[in-house]
Protein backbone atom coordinates (compact mmCIF):
# COMPACT_ATOMS: atom_id res chain seq x y z
CA LEU A 1 135.24 47.98 58.19
CA GLN A 2 138.61 47.93 59.98
CA ASP A 3 138.83 51.69 59.70
CA ARG A 4 135.43 52.08 61.30
CA VAL A 5 136.40 49.79 64.29
CA THR A 6 139.65 51.73 64.85
CA ALA A 7 137.85 54.94 64.79
CA ALA A 8 135.38 53.72 67.26
CA GLU A 9 138.03 52.36 69.66
CA THR A 10 139.79 55.73 69.43
CA ALA A 11 136.63 57.66 70.23
CA ILE A 12 135.91 55.36 73.11
CA ALA A 13 139.52 55.57 74.57
CA THR A 14 139.42 59.49 74.28
CA LYS A 15 136.01 59.64 76.01
CA ALA A 16 137.37 57.29 78.57
CA ASN A 17 140.42 59.40 79.30
CA SER A 18 138.43 62.69 79.57
CA THR A 19 135.78 61.14 81.84
CA ASP A 20 138.65 59.74 84.19
CA LEU A 21 140.05 63.28 84.17
CA ALA A 22 136.80 64.94 85.30
CA VAL A 23 136.23 62.25 87.88
CA LYS A 24 139.81 62.91 89.29
CA ALA A 25 139.16 66.72 89.15
CA ASN A 26 135.85 66.24 91.08
CA ALA A 27 137.33 63.88 93.54
CA SER A 28 139.88 66.55 94.54
CA GLN A 29 136.99 68.67 95.69
CA LEU A 30 135.68 66.08 97.94
CA GLY A 31 136.93 65.88 101.63
CA TYR A 32 136.28 62.60 103.56
CA ALA A 33 136.03 61.88 107.36
CA LEU A 34 134.93 58.82 109.36
CA ILE A 35 133.13 59.39 112.56
CA ASP A 36 133.14 56.86 115.25
CA ALA A 37 129.66 57.14 116.58
CA GLY A 38 130.01 54.69 119.33
CA THR A 39 127.31 52.07 120.37
CA ILE A 40 123.95 53.27 119.14
CA SER A 41 120.49 52.10 120.47
CA ASN A 42 117.10 52.02 119.11
CA ASN A 43 114.53 55.13 119.20
CA ASN A 44 117.27 57.70 119.72
CA ARG A 45 118.60 60.74 117.69
CA TYR A 46 122.29 61.34 118.10
CA VAL A 47 124.13 64.61 117.02
CA PHE A 48 127.58 64.96 115.97
CA ASN A 49 129.87 67.87 114.94
CA ASN A 50 130.40 68.13 111.23
CA PRO A 51 134.05 67.68 110.77
CA PHE A 52 133.99 70.19 108.00
CA GLY A 53 132.06 72.77 110.03
CA ASN A 54 128.22 72.52 110.76
CA GLY A 55 127.36 75.01 107.91
CA THR A 56 129.18 72.88 105.31
CA PRO A 57 126.95 70.59 103.21
CA VAL A 58 128.16 67.01 103.26
CA LEU A 59 126.87 63.50 102.25
CA CYS A 60 126.65 60.78 104.92
CA TYR A 61 126.56 57.09 104.94
CA VAL A 62 125.77 55.21 108.26
CA GLU A 63 127.00 51.64 109.05
CA VAL A 64 126.59 49.35 111.99
CA TYR A 65 128.82 46.42 113.16
CA PHE A 66 127.44 42.98 113.65
CA ASN A 67 129.12 39.54 113.40
CA ASN A 68 132.52 40.83 112.48
CA LYS A 69 131.37 42.93 109.56
CA TRP A 70 130.20 46.70 108.87
CA TYR A 71 127.04 47.05 106.83
CA SER A 72 124.45 49.36 105.93
CA PRO A 73 121.42 48.92 108.41
CA GLY A 74 118.86 49.81 106.23
CA VAL A 75 115.42 51.79 107.31
CA SER A 76 111.75 50.77 107.26
CA PHE A 77 108.77 52.79 108.35
CA VAL A 78 105.98 50.59 109.38
CA ASN A 79 102.48 51.41 111.01
CA LEU A 80 103.57 52.50 114.70
CA SER A 81 100.43 50.88 116.22
CA THR A 82 101.30 47.35 114.85
CA TRP A 83 105.25 47.33 115.26
CA GLY A 84 107.27 50.51 114.67
CA GLY A 85 110.12 51.53 112.40
CA GLY A 86 113.41 49.96 112.41
CA GLY A 87 116.91 50.74 111.02
CA SER A 88 119.22 53.71 111.16
CA PHE A 89 119.74 56.75 108.92
CA ALA A 90 122.43 59.55 108.90
CA GLY A 91 122.35 63.01 107.48
CA TYR A 92 123.39 66.60 107.54
CA VAL A 93 121.22 69.42 109.18
CA GLU A 94 122.44 72.77 108.60
CA GLY A 95 123.69 74.52 111.61
CA GLU A 96 123.39 71.37 113.67
CA GLY A 97 125.91 68.90 112.30
CA ILE A 98 125.58 65.28 111.48
CA ILE A 99 122.75 63.34 112.75
CA ILE A 100 121.87 59.84 113.36
CA GLN A 101 118.04 59.01 113.75
CA THR A 102 117.48 55.21 114.83
CA GLY A 103 114.00 53.31 114.48
CA TYR A 104 111.59 53.07 117.13
CA VAL A 105 112.12 49.27 117.52
CA SER A 106 115.75 48.59 116.14
CA VAL A 107 119.09 50.15 114.71
CA SER A 108 119.27 47.54 112.02
CA TYR A 109 116.29 46.10 110.05
CA ASN A 110 115.62 42.85 108.01
CA SER A 111 117.33 42.72 104.63
CA ASN A 112 114.25 41.80 102.59
CA THR A 113 111.75 44.34 104.05
CA GLY A 114 113.97 47.20 105.26
CA CYS A 115 116.97 46.91 102.64
CA GLY A 116 119.48 46.45 105.34
CA LEU A 117 122.53 44.97 103.45
CA TYR A 118 123.56 42.34 106.09
CA GLY A 119 121.64 39.68 103.93
CA ALA A 120 119.69 38.06 106.81
CA ASP A 121 116.72 39.11 109.15
CA ILE A 122 118.20 40.59 111.99
CA ASN A 123 116.72 43.43 114.43
CA LEU A 124 119.48 44.79 116.67
CA SER A 125 118.46 47.05 119.51
CA ASN A 126 122.04 48.51 119.66
CA ALA A 127 125.21 48.11 117.71
CA PRO A 128 128.56 49.78 117.16
CA CYS A 129 128.17 52.49 114.64
CA ARG A 130 130.21 54.77 112.30
CA ILE A 131 129.43 57.44 109.81
CA HIS A 132 131.44 58.25 106.35
CA VAL A 133 131.16 61.88 105.62
CA TRP A 134 131.95 63.50 102.26
CA LYS A 135 132.25 67.28 102.07
CA VAL A 136 130.60 68.63 99.10
CA THR A 137 132.01 71.70 97.34
CA ASN A 138 131.76 73.49 93.94
């Protein structure tokens, strides 16, 4: 039994080392930039230059600042005739750059209904904003 345990531990350690090397190799292919988007407000579309070139694919993550902390504001789509959408989303549009689209009613949406990560029900009409951008390459 001890031989089997030792063999299993060795196999796990070998796999962990090879996975770590693969992650490090992939990480070296990713560039990173942080865009200060200034203060954003509801019902707007903002366009920023892609720091890696407007034709370069990137992954984006938007955050807003409230009550001394940065957090993901979440997004909710609701019937426009009764309330409207809330939250903020950032992404890449080929040839245009980095886009932030804010909701009709707010830039941050309630945690329980819009998946905002603040942890409370807050609907901000404007807030300081930043975008994390990672370059994607082969």
